[in-house]
Structures are given as structure tokens and as C-alpha cells.
């Protein structure tokens, strides 16, 4: 919140892209994971902030990638922390399995990063006519990100 407030004074229409995550919700239920509750609060707070008169130049987007996949993004490979033990084994088994069986839940970094940058460089208008966009055209779930990426 502090960053969004501070950055909003830098430009007439400052676009703030908050990377949240699939599973986040602004209306949590009994079984919502804790991260989903906390990130949902952040999303709601950012959207509300953009409606306050003193932050009228702020244009917020919350993006909700799912399983982040760096396998085809050579440029970032050296920056990815190396996993060990169970994490390495689980990631090595689950990501390829999901890529094959549930590809709609994969968020390839090479494609999603382009969508995030495009949002930051956009005119700041709400995203419309895309399935998976909610909250006044300001929250994009993984399906919307994949659609905008052409996947």
C-alpha cells in the first residue's frame, strides 16, 4: 500500500500491477487458504485506494497467476533459487504433469511477464471483454492472463 501511494505521485496516470495469485479472493470462505485471504485484502485495499480523491491518478491491476512455470524462459533461469529435497522432487514431478493434464493452470513466465508489462505500459483503462476479469476490470485471474498472452 505504501508503495502504491508513493508511486501514484510520479505520473498523471500511474499504473500499479500487484502480483497476487490464483486462489486469492476478496470474499473468503471457511476453506480459503490464509494466503488467499491476505492477498484478497491487499487487492481490495488497492482498488479502494484508487477511488480516493488524493490518489485519483492511481490505476491498479491485480494479476493472479497460478503454477508459475519458468521452463521455457531461459532469460530468468539463473535467477531462480535451486530447490532441494522434497521441493525439487515435487516440482520436478508436478509441473510437467500439470503442464500435460491441466495446462490452463500453468502460468509460463515468458508469456505472463509480457502481459504484466503491457498492463503497466497501458493507458490505465479497465480490462474488458476478457473472461476471468473482475473487480471493475482491475483483477485478472490466470485464465485472463493466458488469454491476453495468446495461450
C-alpha atoms as a PDB file:
ATOM      1  CA  UNK A   1       0.000   0.000   0.000  1.00  0.00           C
ATOM      2  CA  UNK A   2       2.811   2.373   0.870  1.00  0.00           C
ATOM      3  CA  UNK A   3       4.475   1.759  -2.492  1.00  0.00           C
ATOM      4  CA  UNK A   4       1.248   2.341  -4.424  1.00  0.00           C
ATOM      5  CA  UNK A   5       0.656   5.587  -2.524  1.00  0.00           C
ATOM      6  CA  UNK A   6       4.191   6.822  -3.091  1.00  0.00           C
ATOM      7  CA  UNK A   7       4.343   5.847  -6.760  1.00  0.00           C
ATOM      8  CA  UNK A   8       0.956   7.399  -7.538  1.00  0.00           C
ATOM      9  CA  UNK A   9       2.521  10.861  -7.383  1.00  0.00           C
ATOM     10  CA  UNK A  10       5.104  10.064 -10.072  1.00  0.00           C
ATOM     11  CA  UNK A  11       2.848  10.265 -13.102  1.00  0.00           C
ATOM     12  CA  UNK A  12      -0.528  11.593 -14.151  1.00  0.00           C
ATOM     13  CA  UNK A  13      -1.834   8.035 -14.628  1.00  0.00           C
ATOM     14  CA  UNK A  14       0.395   5.700 -12.659  1.00  0.00           C
ATOM     15  CA  UNK A  15      -0.314   2.010 -13.284  1.00  0.00           C
ATOM     16  CA  UNK A  16       0.396  -0.290 -10.340  1.00  0.00           C
ATOM     17  CA  UNK A  17       0.440  -4.037 -11.113  1.00  0.00           C
ATOM     18  CA  UNK A  18       0.090  -6.154  -7.972  1.00  0.00           C
ATOM     19  CA  UNK A  19       1.115  -9.786  -8.486  1.00  0.00           C
ATOM     20  CA  UNK A  20      -1.271 -11.770  -6.330  1.00  0.00           C
ATOM     21  CA  UNK A  21      -2.089 -15.416  -7.052  1.00  0.00           C
ATOM     22  CA  UNK A  22      -4.782 -17.823  -8.161  1.00  0.00           C
ATOM     23  CA  UNK A  23      -6.754 -18.860  -5.095  1.00  0.00           C
ATOM     24  CA  UNK A  24      -6.945 -15.287  -3.837  1.00  0.00           C
ATOM     25  CA  UNK A  25     -10.390 -13.906  -3.098  1.00  0.00           C
ATOM     26  CA  UNK A  26     -11.914 -10.737  -1.729  1.00  0.00           C
ATOM     27  CA  UNK A  27     -14.801 -12.792  -0.343  1.00  0.00           C
ATOM     28  CA  UNK A  28     -13.109 -15.581   1.645  1.00  0.00           C
ATOM     29  CA  UNK A  29     -14.955 -18.572   2.992  1.00  0.00           C
ATOM     30  CA  UNK A  30     -14.211 -21.127   5.659  1.00  0.00           C
ATOM     31  CA  UNK A  31     -11.851 -23.100   3.416  1.00  0.00           C
ATOM     32  CA  UNK A  32      -9.981 -20.184   1.826  1.00  0.00           C
ATOM     33  CA  UNK A  33      -6.234 -20.574   2.382  1.00  0.00           C
ATOM     34  CA  UNK A  34      -4.652 -17.883   4.532  1.00  0.00           C
ATOM     35  CA  UNK A  35      -2.594 -16.502   1.625  1.00  0.00           C
ATOM     36  CA  UNK A  36      -5.839 -16.078  -0.320  1.00  0.00           C
ATOM     37  CA  UNK A  37      -7.362 -14.021   2.487  1.00  0.00           C
ATOM     38  CA  UNK A  38      -4.327 -11.755   2.944  1.00  0.00           C
ATOM     39  CA  UNK A  39      -3.776 -11.184  -0.774  1.00  0.00           C
ATOM     40  CA  UNK A  40      -7.513 -10.599  -1.203  1.00  0.00           C
ATOM     41  CA  UNK A  41      -7.360  -7.856   1.423  1.00  0.00           C
ATOM     42  CA  UNK A  42      -4.435  -6.270  -0.423  1.00  0.00           C
ATOM     43  CA  UNK A  43      -6.332  -6.383  -3.729  1.00  0.00           C
ATOM     44  CA  UNK A  44      -9.448  -4.810  -2.179  1.00  0.00           C
ATOM     45  CA  UNK A  45      -7.370  -2.140  -0.440  1.00  0.00           C
ATOM     46  CA  UNK A  46      -5.568  -1.214  -3.672  1.00  0.00           C
ATOM     47  CA  UNK A  47      -8.845  -0.937  -5.565  1.00  0.00           C
ATOM     48  CA  UNK A  48     -10.357   1.214  -2.804  1.00  0.00           C
ATOM     49  CA  UNK A  49      -7.237   3.390  -2.722  1.00  0.00           C
ATOM     50  CA  UNK A  50      -7.595   4.167  -6.411  1.00  0.00           C
ATOM     51  CA  UNK A  51     -11.068   5.614  -5.691  1.00  0.00           C
ATOM     52  CA  UNK A  52      -9.807   8.080  -3.082  1.00  0.00           C
ATOM     53  CA  UNK A  53      -9.538  11.657  -4.434  1.00  0.00           C
ATOM     54  CA  UNK A  54      -5.913  12.112  -3.347  1.00  0.00           C
ATOM     55  CA  UNK A  55      -4.911   9.013  -5.358  1.00  0.00           C
ATOM     56  CA  UNK A  56      -7.054   9.613  -8.435  1.00  0.00           C
ATOM     57  CA  UNK A  57      -4.009   9.215 -10.713  1.00  0.00           C
ATOM     58  CA  UNK A  58      -3.511   5.628  -9.486  1.00  0.00           C
ATOM     59  CA  UNK A  59      -4.638   2.835 -11.812  1.00  0.00           C
ATOM     60  CA  UNK A  60      -4.342  -0.565 -10.134  1.00  0.00           C
ATOM     61  CA  UNK A  61      -4.343  -4.055 -11.600  1.00  0.00           C
ATOM     62  CA  UNK A  62      -4.191  -7.262  -9.581  1.00  0.00           C
ATOM     63  CA  UNK A  63      -2.990 -10.291 -11.508  1.00  0.00           C
ATOM     64  CA  UNK A  64      -3.449 -13.846 -10.278  1.00  0.00           C
ATOM     65  CA  UNK A  65      -1.048 -16.307 -11.901  1.00  0.00           C
ATOM     66  CA  UNK A  66      -1.343 -19.974 -10.983  1.00  0.00           C
ATOM     67  CA  UNK A  67       1.519 -22.504 -11.291  1.00  0.00           C
ATOM     68  CA  UNK A  68       4.480 -20.342 -12.296  1.00  0.00           C
ATOM     69  CA  UNK A  69       6.499 -22.151 -14.967  1.00  0.00           C
ATOM     70  CA  UNK A  70       9.956 -20.858 -15.907  1.00  0.00           C
ATOM     71  CA  UNK A  71      10.961 -23.891 -18.001  1.00  0.00           C
ATOM     72  CA  UNK A  72      10.796 -22.083 -21.365  1.00  0.00           C
ATOM     73  CA  UNK A  73      12.139 -18.749 -20.102  1.00  0.00           C
ATOM     74  CA  UNK A  74      15.910 -19.101 -20.449  1.00  0.00           C
ATOM     75  CA  UNK A  75      16.497 -15.442 -19.561  1.00  0.00           C
ATOM     76  CA  UNK A  76      15.352 -15.938 -15.951  1.00  0.00           C
ATOM     77  CA  UNK A  77      16.756 -19.408 -15.286  1.00  0.00           C
ATOM     78  CA  UNK A  78      19.894 -18.198 -13.485  1.00  0.00           C
ATOM     79  CA  UNK A  79      17.785 -16.104 -11.070  1.00  0.00           C
ATOM     80  CA  UNK A  80      15.571 -18.973  -9.903  1.00  0.00           C
ATOM     81  CA  UNK A  81      16.613 -20.362  -6.500  1.00  0.00           C
ATOM     82  CA  UNK A  82      17.573 -24.013  -6.722  1.00  0.00           C
ATOM     83  CA  UNK A  83      15.231 -26.341  -4.869  1.00  0.00           C
ATOM     84  CA  UNK A  84      16.425 -29.354  -2.946  1.00  0.00           C
ATOM     85  CA  UNK A  85      14.908 -32.386  -1.288  1.00  0.00           C
ATOM     86  CA  UNK A  86      11.136 -32.762  -1.397  1.00  0.00           C
ATOM     87  CA  UNK A  87      10.589 -29.394  -3.076  1.00  0.00           C
ATOM     88  CA  UNK A  88      12.818 -30.331  -6.001  1.00  0.00           C
ATOM     89  CA  UNK A  89      11.165 -33.721  -6.366  1.00  0.00           C
ATOM     90  CA  UNK A  90       7.626 -32.344  -6.102  1.00  0.00           C
ATOM     91  CA  UNK A  91       8.311 -29.542  -8.560  1.00  0.00           C
ATOM     92  CA  UNK A  92      10.048 -31.927 -10.955  1.00  0.00           C
ATOM     93  CA  UNK A  93       7.054 -34.269 -10.947  1.00  0.00           C
ATOM     94  CA  UNK A  94       4.077 -31.942 -10.565  1.00  0.00           C
ATOM     95  CA  UNK A  95       4.865 -29.146 -13.023  1.00  0.00           C
ATOM     96  CA  UNK A  96       5.308 -31.445 -16.066  1.00  0.00           C
ATOM     97  CA  UNK A  97       2.232 -33.421 -15.014  1.00  0.00           C
ATOM     98  CA  UNK A  98       0.152 -30.234 -14.720  1.00  0.00           C
ATOM     99  CA  UNK A  99       1.555 -28.925 -17.999  1.00  0.00           C
ATOM    100  CA  UNK A 100       0.100 -32.029 -19.654  1.00  0.00           C
ATOM    101  CA  UNK A 101      -3.134 -32.580 -17.729  1.00  0.00           C
ATOM    102  CA  UNK A 102      -4.211 -29.122 -16.550  1.00  0.00           C
ATOM    103  CA  UNK A 103      -2.420 -26.672 -18.825  1.00  0.00           C
ATOM    104  CA  UNK A 104      -4.956 -23.917 -18.079  1.00  0.00           C
ATOM    105  CA  UNK A 105      -3.437 -23.639 -14.586  1.00  0.00           C
ATOM    106  CA  UNK A 106       0.102 -23.101 -15.872  1.00  0.00           C
ATOM    107  CA  UNK A 107       1.492 -19.548 -15.925  1.00  0.00           C
ATOM    108  CA  UNK A 108       4.534 -19.536 -18.199  1.00  0.00           C
ATOM    109  CA  UNK A 109       6.732 -16.623 -17.126  1.00  0.00           C
ATOM    110  CA  UNK A 110       7.814 -15.789 -20.682  1.00  0.00           C
ATOM    111  CA  UNK A 111       4.195 -15.035 -21.615  1.00  0.00           C
ATOM    112  CA  UNK A 112       2.751 -13.728 -18.352  1.00  0.00           C
ATOM    113  CA  UNK A 113       5.579 -11.229 -17.854  1.00  0.00           C
ATOM    114  CA  UNK A 114       4.700  -9.661 -21.209  1.00  0.00           C
ATOM    115  CA  UNK A 115       1.073  -9.263 -20.074  1.00  0.00           C
ATOM    116  CA  UNK A 116       2.182  -7.641 -16.801  1.00  0.00           C
ATOM    117  CA  UNK A 117       4.457  -5.175 -18.606  1.00  0.00           C
ATOM    118  CA  UNK A 118       1.713  -4.406 -21.138  1.00  0.00           C
ATOM    119  CA  UNK A 119      -0.641  -3.550 -18.249  1.00  0.00           C
ATOM    120  CA  UNK A 120       1.972  -1.268 -16.693  1.00  0.00           C
ATOM    121  CA  UNK A 121       2.503   0.491 -20.019  1.00  0.00           C
ATOM    122  CA  UNK A 122      -1.194   0.659 -20.901  1.00  0.00           C
ATOM    123  CA  UNK A 123      -3.485   3.672 -20.803  1.00  0.00           C
ATOM    124  CA  UNK A 124      -4.720   2.510 -17.385  1.00  0.00           C
ATOM    125  CA  UNK A 125      -8.258   1.742 -18.507  1.00  0.00           C
ATOM    126  CA  UNK A 126     -10.082  -1.289 -17.104  1.00  0.00           C
ATOM    127  CA  UNK A 127      -9.617  -4.556 -18.976  1.00  0.00           C
ATOM    128  CA  UNK A 128     -12.881  -5.592 -20.568  1.00  0.00           C
ATOM    129  CA  UNK A 129     -14.275  -8.302 -22.824  1.00  0.00           C
ATOM    130  CA  UNK A 130     -11.933 -10.938 -21.379  1.00  0.00           C
ATOM    131  CA  UNK A 131     -13.183 -13.940 -19.403  1.00  0.00           C
ATOM    132  CA  UNK A 132     -11.651 -14.039 -15.935  1.00  0.00           C
ATOM    133  CA  UNK A 133     -11.528 -10.283 -15.339  1.00  0.00           C
ATOM    134  CA  UNK A 134     -13.395  -8.948 -12.286  1.00  0.00           C
ATOM    135  CA  UNK A 135     -13.455  -6.025  -9.872  1.00  0.00           C
ATOM    136  CA  UNK A 136     -14.178  -3.187 -12.293  1.00  0.00           C
ATOM    137  CA  UNK A 137     -11.795  -4.633 -14.886  1.00  0.00           C
ATOM    138  CA  UNK A 138      -8.902  -4.463 -12.444  1.00  0.00           C
ATOM    139  CA  UNK A 139      -8.374  -8.107 -11.335  1.00  0.00           C
ATOM    140  CA  UNK A 140      -7.188 -10.690 -13.845  1.00  0.00           C
ATOM    141  CA  UNK A 141      -7.210 -14.367 -12.961  1.00  0.00           C
ATOM    142  CA  UNK A 142      -4.924 -16.914 -14.598  1.00  0.00           C
ATOM    143  CA  UNK A 143      -7.399 -17.577 -17.413  1.00  0.00           C
ATOM    144  CA  UNK A 144      -7.482 -13.880 -18.317  1.00  0.00           C
ATOM    145  CA  UNK A 145      -3.676 -13.652 -18.190  1.00  0.00           C
ATOM    146  CA  UNK A 146      -3.385 -16.672 -20.503  1.00  0.00           C
ATOM    147  CA  UNK A 147      -5.965 -15.196 -22.891  1.00  0.00           C
ATOM    148  CA  UNK A 148      -4.156 -11.860 -23.084  1.00  0.00           C
ATOM    149  CA  UNK A 149      -0.895 -13.762 -23.650  1.00  0.00           C
ATOM    150  CA  UNK A 150      -2.449 -15.617 -26.575  1.00  0.00           C
ATOM    151  CA  UNK A 151      -2.323 -19.021 -24.892  1.00  0.00           C
END
